[in-house]
Every structure is written in C-alpha cells, then in structure tokens.
Amino acid sequence: MNLPLKTPDVQEPSLKDSPQKCPYGLYAEQLSGTAFTAPRVANKRSWLYRIRPSVLHEPFKPYPHKTLVDDWTQWHPNPNQLRWHPFDLPANDVKSDFVDGMATVCGGGDVRSRHGIAVHIYACNKSMENRCLYNSDGDFLIVPQKGTLCITTEFGKMKVDPNEIVVIQQGMRFSVQISEPSRGYILEVWDGHFTLPDLGPIGANGLANPRDFLTPVACYEDIQAPYTIISKFQGKLFFAQQDHSPFDVVAWHGNYAPYKYDLEKFMVINTVSFDHADPSIFTVLTCQSTRPGVAIADFVIFPPRWSVGENTFRPPYYHRNCMSEFMGLITGHYEAKAFMFESSIGLAVTKWADSACQKVDEKYFECWQPLAKHFKGPAQ
C-alpha cells in the first residue's frame, strides 16, 4: 500500500484524506468499490492524489465493437458440452489491441442490475497506444495464456506473465502493453468483488495466502497529449477524449486496488488416504452471492500435485454438476496448468463462440464414445 507524499510545510494527507491543500498541488480523489455504508469488513475504497481530477474529459460517445456481448438472448440455447480449439491470434496485417481483441464466449445475468458474469477471451498483437479502458460494470479477472502483459493502471504498473492472474476492479483505468502476440481469458463479475474463500477446518494457512497477492506502487505520468478513455458501461463500450494521460496519480492509499497473483504459490490441499476431494478445494478466489456458500463465480486451478489415494479410481470422478463450468488450459495437458471458472449462473454461449469463431470442436462428444460396459451381474 502506498502512503501519500509528505512535505515539511503542508499537512500530510495521511492525517486528512482530503486536505484543503494537498502537497505539490495535487487533487484528492476517492475511488469507491462499495457503498459508503457497506459493513467495515467489506468496505472498499482508496484515496488517489493526482495531478488532475479524472472528470476532465469530453463527453462519451458509442465505441463500436462487434464481439463484446451482453445480450444472452441473441442466440439459441445450447445444452451440449462444448470444447473449442485454440482461438486465433490476429493476422499480421490486422492490428488489434487488448480492447479490440476482446470477444465474449458466454455469460448470464443482467449487467444493468449488476447480477451475473461474462467470460471473454482476448487476442491482440498491438499495445494500447494513448488510450485506456475501465469497467463500470464490474471486475475483470484476467488469465494470460500466451504473452506477457505489461499493465499500466492509475495505481502503478504491473507485469503479468502466463501462470499469473491479475484482477482489475470496477472503475480502475488501465492500459495493456505487449511485446508479442498475446492471448488469454477474462472472467467478468458484476456482483461484488473477488475474495479469498474461507478455510474452515483447513485452518489459518493453505490455498492462496493473502501475502502473495501484490498491488502496484504509484508511478505517475505528467504527459500533455491526446488520450482516449474507453468505458465499458451497461455492457457497451463508449469513448471520450482528453488532453492528458489518465495515469497521473502521484500517491494513493486504501484497500481498493488492482492486484496480481502467481499461481505457483497456491498451496494445494488434497486427500492422502482415499477418494478425491471435491474440486472446490482448489478455489483461488470467489465472488459470493447472497445465498450462503453459493458463488456467483469461483476461480479454480488444477495445478501440478501428488495424488496418493489408495485403491481409488485415478481420474476425478464422473460428475453431473448443477453449476456452470468453463475450463481453460494455460499450458501443457489437462490437469497440468488448467483452470476453471465456475458459476451458479446459467451461461449462454454467444453466436460468435458457437459459430462465427469457427473453433468449436464438433467431434468432442466422440471422445466419450469408447467408454465400454464392464458390468458383470451375479451368476444366474
């Protein structure tokens, strides 16, 4: 966490969040992640001390985007198990940055009532130049699969490699720079924020430890140049122009910030006797619903681990789930560096994901057909 700057002749902002005069002529601006009256344990906000307030921009106008979707009725329901081949990277003659390279795969709920989730992929071959994005609808959990993301935020900079994740929370402006064609997954939640799951009988330690989540250190730009601000608002994109960099936060303090996490640091819990523990034991982050124990979305990983169940069927058990599951692979084969987005929301597949992307594995169902009957009834 960053502490505000100090000068010997001015009241330091750490004693007053919004002093009459901030050091160095800065503006104090609060960014809220919850209602003011949310319980203290869940209350999220940060104070940003910036060169110009973020309200300094021209009016927003619609930003056309063909593959970002929030209408789940545009395509017919599909109850089949679906698997996709790897999504294409942009062709060399087509320049696409993180924003233009986003495409919605599936989702459910209503973004206007802030209830539900969406799953997107991104595929880009160009850095965001003099423009940034912020999500007014909810939080982005970004899972890079190919290529390192260098992310500039109002709170500072973060370098996010494959096998790391980054969470950009609601309202936070960010820009993505890349050094090679890049691809990955995005889980967007509209209810609340991601939190660590309770550990219960596991105890005080295990799974993802709080100390391993990293937030950026303030790193400001004082640049006078045309800049485009892109806002995701009620499922649509809008853009506005301003004449300076939005990344002019000199200092900040609070508990509402972007953060990243290295999946290698996940401490796996598993059986050491027999059977399989339920996959909820691999939950890294959760976004809870109003129903106790039921998640709007869980982010789950299946990392390398020892499996020592005695006299136990080696693969995970067959399972008919009441929850929706979206699985992805970061590298290797299944159960090597795999993850899952799980949700209590019924997810509708978009037209782009079902047909336009031309990546659906039409023969996926065939992989189950060789399963043979082994039943031998009692002797007659």
Foldseek 3Di string as FASTA:
>chain_A
DWAFDDDPPDDACVVPQADPAHPPRWGKDKDWQDDPPDPPVQGFIKIFTFRDDPVFWDDKDFDDADFQDDDLPPDDFDPDDWDFDDFDADDPVDADEFVNQKHWFKWDDFLVVLAIKTKIKGKGFFWDDQEKEFEQRWKKKKAWQDFWKWKQWLQGIDIGDHQKIKMDTHPIIMTTGTDGITMTMIMTGRARHKDFDDDPPVPDDAFDDPVQKDFHHQDADWAFAKHKYWYQDRRGIIIIIHGTDPNGGRTMDIDDGMIMGRNVPTGQDWDQEAATDPQVSQFRIFAPDPDPPFTQKTKGWLADDDDHHDPYDPDHDDDDDCWDKDKDASDDDPSHTIMIIIHNGDMRTDPCNVPVSPGIDPCPVVVPVVDDDDDDDDDD
